[in-house]
Amino acid sequence: MVGRSGHGGWRLREPSVLPGFSLAFGYTVLYLSLIVLLPMAALVVSAASAPLGQVLATLAEPRVLAALRLSFGAALLAASINAVFGLIVAWVLTRYDFPGRRVLDALIDLPFALPTAVSGIALVTVFAETGLVGQWLAGLGIRVAYTWAGVTVALVLIGIPFVVRTLQPALMALDPALEEAAASLGARRWQTFLRVTLPAITPALLTGFTLAFARGVGEYGSVIFIAGNLPMHTEIMPLLIIIKLEQFDYTGAAVLGLLMLVLSFVMLLVINLLQAWQRRRLGLVA
C-alpha cells in the first residue's frame, strides 16, 4: 500500500500492525523473481536471439497456426462450458442439503489429485469408439476421441474445479436477504438471479473462468491421450513445442513458448481488466 508522508512525499505503508512487512515483501519479490521472472526472462532472451526471418517463418507455419487455433479455441470453449455448468454445480452444493452432498463435493477436487495422464487414459476408456460411452456415440455417428471434441472434453474435466471452488465462497457470502427482498417486491426467480445474484458473483465467475482457461491453454497430459495428436487437426501447442525440442529445434521451441506466453498474458490481462471493471461497477472496491 502507498500513503502520503508528513513531509509531502510518498512512502510504503504497512498493511497491518504486525511487524515484518519489509522482510516479507523482500522475500516475496525475491521468490517471484527466481520462480517466475527469471525463467520468463530466459525464454524471452532465447527467443530474441533468433534471426527475425526464422522467427517469422516459425510463426507462419500452418502446423503452428492450426495448433494455436486448437489450443486457445478448445480452452476458451471448455472454460465457457465450465462457467455455465460450474455455476450450477456450485449453486447446488451451496444452496441445498441432500444425501451424498459431501461425497459430491469431494469429487469436485478429484481432477486436482489425479495425475493428468490418468485422466487422459480414463477419458479414452470412456469415449473411444469401443469405450463405455463412445460405442453408443459411434452408433449415432458421433466421434469424441481423437477429435477436437475430445480435446474440449479433457479441458472441461481438468477445469471444472477452478470454477466451482471459486464460486462457492462467493455464493456462501451472498446475503440471502437480498434475494428475499427481490422476491418480496414481486421479482420472479429468474429475475432475482439475473439482477441480484449474478451481478454479485460475476467477479468470482470471471476469476474461475480465467483460471480454467489458463489451465486449459497449458494442459498436456490429459489431452495427448484422447486427442490422437494428428498434425493440423488434433495437435495442441504444448505438444508441438515438445516435438520441436525432440527435434533439437530449441530456437523454434523458444519462439513458440514466447508466443504462448504473450498471447496468454494478453488474454488474461483483458479478463482481469473486465473483472476489475465489474468490481468497480458493483462498488466492491474503492
Protein backbone atom coordinates (compact mmCIF):
# COMPACT_ATOMS: atom_id res chain seq x y z
CA MET A 1 0.00 0.00 0.00
CA VAL A 2 1.13 3.57 -0.66
CA GLY A 3 0.42 6.57 1.55
CA ARG A 4 1.44 10.21 1.85
CA SER A 5 4.06 11.02 4.45
CA GLY A 6 4.03 14.07 6.68
CA HIS A 7 6.71 15.78 4.52
CA GLY A 8 4.55 15.65 1.41
CA GLY A 9 6.24 12.64 -0.19
CA TRP A 10 5.04 9.12 -0.76
CA ARG A 11 6.12 6.02 1.15
CA LEU A 12 5.14 2.39 1.53
CA ARG A 13 2.59 1.91 4.28
CA GLU A 14 2.42 -1.34 6.19
CA PRO A 15 -0.95 -3.06 5.63
CA SER A 16 -1.33 -4.11 9.30
CA VAL A 17 0.08 -3.60 12.78
CA LEU A 18 2.01 -6.86 12.54
CA PRO A 19 5.77 -6.29 12.10
CA GLY A 20 7.95 -7.72 9.36
CA PHE A 21 6.41 -6.17 6.26
CA SER A 22 9.74 -5.09 4.77
CA LEU A 23 11.31 -8.53 5.27
CA ALA A 24 8.23 -10.36 3.97
CA PHE A 25 7.99 -8.01 0.98
CA GLY A 26 11.66 -8.61 0.17
CA TYR A 27 11.22 -12.38 0.30
CA THR A 28 8.12 -12.07 -1.89
CA VAL A 29 9.95 -10.12 -4.57
CA LEU A 30 12.94 -12.48 -4.41
CA TYR A 31 10.77 -15.58 -4.62
CA LEU A 32 8.73 -14.29 -7.55
CA SER A 33 11.88 -13.17 -9.33
CA LEU A 34 13.56 -16.58 -9.03
CA ILE A 35 10.47 -18.70 -9.73
CA VAL A 36 8.57 -16.58 -12.28
CA LEU A 37 10.52 -13.64 -13.67
CA LEU A 38 13.90 -15.32 -14.21
CA PRO A 39 12.57 -18.27 -16.28
CA MET A 40 10.37 -15.93 -18.29
CA ALA A 41 13.30 -13.62 -18.94
CA ALA A 42 15.42 -16.57 -20.07
CA LEU A 43 12.68 -17.58 -22.51
CA VAL A 44 12.48 -14.04 -23.90
CA VAL A 45 16.26 -13.84 -24.33
CA SER A 46 16.40 -17.24 -26.04
CA ALA A 47 13.64 -16.33 -28.50
CA ALA A 48 15.02 -12.83 -29.12
CA SER A 49 18.40 -14.26 -30.09
CA ALA A 50 16.87 -15.92 -33.16
CA PRO A 51 17.03 -14.15 -36.54
CA LEU A 52 13.84 -12.30 -37.41
CA GLY A 53 13.36 -14.35 -40.55
CA GLN A 54 13.48 -17.60 -38.60
CA VAL A 55 11.01 -16.25 -36.05
CA LEU A 56 8.52 -15.19 -38.73
CA ALA A 57 8.94 -18.47 -40.60
CA THR A 58 8.24 -20.43 -37.42
CA LEU A 59 5.15 -18.42 -36.55
CA ALA A 60 3.80 -18.68 -40.11
CA GLU A 61 3.95 -22.47 -40.27
CA PRO A 62 0.46 -23.89 -40.99
CA ARG A 63 1.06 -26.55 -38.34
CA VAL A 64 1.74 -23.85 -35.74
CA LEU A 65 -1.36 -21.85 -36.68
CA ALA A 66 -3.54 -24.98 -36.51
CA ALA A 67 -2.15 -25.86 -33.08
CA LEU A 68 -2.79 -22.32 -31.86
CA ARG A 69 -6.39 -22.40 -33.02
CA LEU A 70 -6.98 -25.72 -31.31
CA SER A 71 -5.25 -24.85 -28.02
CA PHE A 72 -6.87 -21.47 -27.49
CA GLY A 73 -10.19 -22.33 -29.12
CA ALA A 74 -10.68 -25.53 -27.10
CA ALA A 75 -9.55 -23.82 -23.88
CA LEU A 76 -11.99 -20.95 -24.47
CA LEU A 77 -14.86 -23.31 -25.26
CA ALA A 78 -14.10 -25.54 -22.27
CA ALA A 79 -13.85 -22.56 -19.90
CA SER A 80 -17.20 -21.25 -21.20
CA ILE A 81 -18.84 -24.64 -20.62
CA ASN A 82 -17.37 -24.80 -17.13
CA ALA A 83 -18.58 -21.28 -16.38
CA VAL A 84 -22.17 -22.38 -17.02
CA PHE A 85 -22.21 -25.84 -15.51
CA GLY A 86 -19.70 -24.98 -12.79
CA LEU A 87 -22.11 -22.29 -11.62
CA ILE A 88 -24.92 -24.84 -11.49
CA VAL A 89 -22.77 -27.31 -9.52
CA ALA A 90 -21.60 -24.64 -7.09
CA TRP A 91 -25.20 -23.46 -6.64
CA VAL A 92 -26.42 -26.98 -5.81
CA LEU A 93 -23.56 -27.65 -3.39
CA THR A 94 -24.01 -24.31 -1.65
CA ARG A 95 -27.77 -23.85 -1.52
CA TYR A 96 -29.10 -27.37 -1.00
CA ASP A 97 -28.54 -30.07 1.61
CA PHE A 98 -29.07 -33.62 0.35
CA PRO A 99 -27.68 -37.11 0.98
CA GLY A 100 -24.29 -37.56 -0.59
CA ARG A 101 -23.55 -33.83 -0.84
CA ARG A 102 -20.19 -34.19 0.90
CA VAL A 103 -19.20 -37.03 -1.42
CA LEU A 104 -20.14 -34.97 -4.46
CA ASP A 105 -18.27 -32.01 -3.04
CA ALA A 106 -15.15 -34.16 -2.60
CA LEU A 107 -15.40 -35.48 -6.17
CA ILE A 108 -15.01 -31.93 -7.50
CA ASP A 109 -11.38 -31.94 -6.35
CA LEU A 110 -10.61 -35.30 -7.97
CA PRO A 111 -9.09 -33.74 -11.15
CA PHE A 112 -6.68 -31.88 -8.85
CA ALA A 113 -5.47 -35.09 -7.22
CA LEU A 114 -5.33 -37.36 -10.28
CA PRO A 115 -2.21 -37.33 -12.45
CA THR A 116 -3.15 -35.82 -15.79
CA ALA A 117 -2.05 -38.97 -17.61
CA VAL A 118 -4.55 -40.98 -15.56
CA SER A 119 -7.30 -38.53 -16.52
CA GLY A 120 -6.38 -38.92 -20.18
CA ILE A 121 -6.42 -42.71 -20.04
CA ALA A 122 -9.78 -42.64 -18.24
CA LEU A 123 -11.25 -40.38 -20.92
CA VAL A 124 -10.04 -42.67 -23.69
CA THR A 125 -11.56 -45.66 -21.89
CA VAL A 126 -14.90 -43.88 -21.78
CA PHE A 127 -15.04 -42.03 -25.11
CA ALA A 128 -13.11 -44.26 -27.54
CA GLU A 129 -15.22 -45.96 -30.19
CA THR A 130 -15.04 -49.17 -28.14
CA GLY A 131 -15.46 -47.36 -24.81
CA LEU A 132 -18.35 -47.31 -22.40
CA VAL A 133 -19.93 -44.19 -23.88
CA GLY A 134 -18.04 -43.92 -27.15
CA GLN A 135 -19.57 -47.08 -28.59
CA TRP A 136 -23.06 -45.63 -28.19
CA LEU A 137 -22.00 -42.29 -29.67
CA ALA A 138 -20.32 -44.10 -32.57
CA GLY A 139 -23.65 -45.71 -33.39
CA LEU A 140 -25.07 -42.20 -33.76
CA GLY A 141 -22.20 -41.11 -35.97
CA ILE A 142 -20.56 -39.02 -33.23
CA ARG A 143 -16.84 -39.27 -32.57
CA VAL A 144 -15.28 -37.76 -29.45
CA ALA A 145 -11.91 -39.44 -29.04
CA TYR A 146 -9.18 -38.31 -31.44
CA THR A 147 -11.11 -35.18 -32.45
CA TRP A 148 -11.25 -31.56 -31.25
CA ALA A 149 -14.29 -32.55 -29.21
CA GLY A 150 -12.14 -34.94 -27.21
CA VAL A 151 -9.67 -32.15 -26.51
CA THR A 152 -12.52 -29.97 -25.25
CA VAL A 153 -13.87 -32.76 -23.04
CA ALA A 154 -10.44 -33.21 -21.46
CA LEU A 155 -10.14 -29.49 -20.77
CA VAL A 156 -13.63 -29.42 -19.26
CA LEU A 157 -12.63 -32.21 -16.88
CA ILE A 158 -9.47 -30.53 -15.61
CA GLY A 159 -11.05 -27.05 -15.47
CA ILE A 160 -14.30 -27.64 -13.60
CA PRO A 161 -12.75 -27.49 -10.07
CA PHE A 162 -11.40 -23.99 -10.69
CA VAL A 163 -14.85 -22.59 -11.40
CA VAL A 164 -16.69 -24.44 -8.64
CA ARG A 165 -14.15 -23.69 -5.91
CA THR A 166 -14.05 -20.02 -6.88
CA LEU A 167 -17.82 -19.61 -6.92
CA GLN A 168 -18.62 -21.45 -3.70
CA PRO A 169 -17.25 -18.78 -1.31
CA ALA A 170 -18.98 -16.03 -3.30
CA LEU A 171 -22.33 -17.80 -3.11
CA MET A 172 -21.89 -18.50 0.60
CA ALA A 173 -21.05 -14.86 1.27
CA LEU A 174 -24.08 -13.57 -0.64
CA ASP A 175 -26.67 -12.24 1.76
CA PRO A 176 -29.93 -14.22 1.30
CA ALA A 177 -31.82 -11.13 2.41
CA LEU A 178 -31.10 -9.53 -0.96
CA GLU A 179 -32.83 -12.34 -2.81
CA GLU A 180 -35.68 -12.36 -0.31
CA ALA A 181 -36.13 -8.62 -0.76
CA ALA A 182 -36.29 -9.03 -4.54
CA ALA A 183 -38.86 -11.80 -4.17
CA SER A 184 -40.96 -9.69 -1.79
CA LEU A 185 -41.00 -6.94 -4.41
CA GLY A 186 -42.51 -9.30 -6.95
CA ALA A 187 -39.42 -10.44 -8.83
CA ARG A 188 -39.56 -13.89 -10.32
CA ARG A 189 -36.82 -16.42 -9.70
CA TRP A 190 -35.01 -15.82 -12.98
CA GLN A 191 -35.29 -12.05 -12.48
CA THR A 192 -33.80 -12.36 -9.00
CA PHE A 193 -30.98 -14.47 -10.32
CA LEU A 194 -30.17 -12.21 -13.29
CA ARG A 195 -30.47 -8.87 -11.46
CA VAL A 196 -29.38 -9.69 -7.90
CA THR A 197 -27.40 -12.92 -7.67
CA LEU A 198 -25.49 -12.97 -10.95
CA PRO A 199 -24.09 -9.40 -10.74
CA ALA A 200 -22.84 -10.10 -7.21
CA ILE A 201 -20.98 -13.28 -8.18
CA THR A 202 -19.75 -12.13 -11.61
CA PRO A 203 -16.22 -11.22 -10.35
CA ALA A 204 -15.84 -14.72 -8.87
CA LEU A 205 -17.28 -16.24 -12.04
CA LEU A 206 -14.77 -14.35 -14.18
CA THR A 207 -11.97 -15.45 -11.88
CA GLY A 208 -12.97 -19.10 -12.21
CA PHE A 209 -13.30 -18.71 -15.97
CA THR A 210 -9.82 -17.17 -16.13
CA LEU A 211 -8.25 -19.96 -14.08
CA ALA A 212 -9.96 -22.68 -16.13
CA PHE A 213 -8.93 -21.00 -19.39
CA ALA A 214 -5.31 -20.59 -18.27
CA ARG A 215 -5.13 -24.23 -17.17
CA GLY A 216 -6.66 -25.37 -20.45
CA VAL A 217 -4.20 -23.47 -22.63
CA GLY A 218 -1.22 -25.14 -20.97
CA GLU A 219 -2.72 -28.60 -20.40
CA TYR A 220 -0.77 -31.51 -21.83
CA GLY A 221 -1.06 -34.84 -20.02
CA SER A 222 -4.81 -35.39 -20.13
CA VAL A 223 -5.11 -34.16 -23.74
CA ILE A 224 -2.50 -36.15 -25.65
CA PHE A 225 -4.18 -39.48 -24.94
CA ILE A 226 -7.62 -38.52 -26.21
CA ALA A 227 -6.53 -36.06 -28.93
CA GLY A 228 -4.75 -38.54 -31.18
CA ASN A 229 -2.12 -35.87 -31.89
CA LEU A 230 -2.82 -35.60 -35.61
CA PRO A 231 -0.89 -32.68 -37.17
CA MET A 232 -3.16 -29.90 -38.46
CA HIS A 233 -6.17 -31.50 -36.72
CA THR A 234 -5.74 -32.53 -33.07
CA GLU A 235 -2.22 -31.40 -32.25
CA ILE A 236 -2.07 -28.92 -29.36
CA MET A 237 0.58 -26.25 -28.96
CA PRO A 238 2.32 -27.75 -25.86
CA LEU A 239 2.80 -31.00 -27.80
CA LEU A 240 4.20 -29.12 -30.80
CA ILE A 241 6.72 -27.38 -28.54
CA ILE A 242 7.85 -30.75 -27.16
CA ILE A 243 8.16 -32.12 -30.72
CA LYS A 244 10.45 -29.24 -31.64
CA LEU A 245 12.57 -29.94 -28.57
CA GLU A 246 12.83 -33.59 -29.56
CA GLN A 247 13.96 -32.45 -33.00
CA PHE A 248 16.63 -30.27 -31.35
CA ASP A 249 14.94 -27.14 -32.69
CA TYR A 250 15.47 -25.24 -29.45
CA THR A 251 15.07 -21.84 -31.07
CA GLY A 252 11.73 -22.80 -32.61
CA ALA A 253 10.53 -24.16 -29.27
CA ALA A 254 11.56 -20.93 -27.54
CA VAL A 255 9.74 -18.85 -30.16
CA LEU A 256 6.54 -20.86 -29.75
CA GLY A 257 6.88 -20.71 -25.98
CA LEU A 258 7.22 -16.94 -26.08
CA LEU A 259 4.21 -16.70 -28.39
CA MET A 260 2.12 -18.74 -25.94
CA LEU A 261 3.36 -16.56 -23.09
CA VAL A 262 2.42 -13.31 -24.83
CA LEU A 263 -0.99 -14.50 -26.03
CA SER A 264 -1.89 -15.99 -22.65
CA PHE A 265 -0.80 -12.84 -20.84
CA VAL A 266 -2.84 -10.58 -23.14
CA MET A 267 -6.00 -12.67 -22.78
CA LEU A 268 -5.62 -12.97 -19.01
CA LEU A 269 -4.98 -9.22 -18.76
CA VAL A 270 -8.18 -8.48 -20.68
CA ILE A 271 -10.21 -10.80 -18.48
CA ASN A 272 -8.75 -9.31 -15.29
CA LEU A 273 -9.50 -5.79 -16.53
CA LEU A 274 -13.09 -6.86 -17.10
CA GLN A 275 -13.17 -8.31 -13.60
CA ALA A 276 -11.80 -5.09 -12.11
CA TRP A 277 -14.37 -3.06 -14.04
CA GLN A 278 -17.13 -5.31 -12.74
CA ARG A 279 -15.94 -4.88 -9.15
CA ARG A 280 -15.87 -1.09 -9.50
CA ARG A 281 -19.31 -1.10 -11.03
CA LEU A 282 -20.65 -3.08 -8.09
CA GLY A 283 -18.85 -0.83 -5.62
CA LEU A 284 -16.78 -3.69 -4.21
CA VAL A 285 -13.55 -1.67 -4.39
CA ALA A 286 -12.74 1.96 -3.78
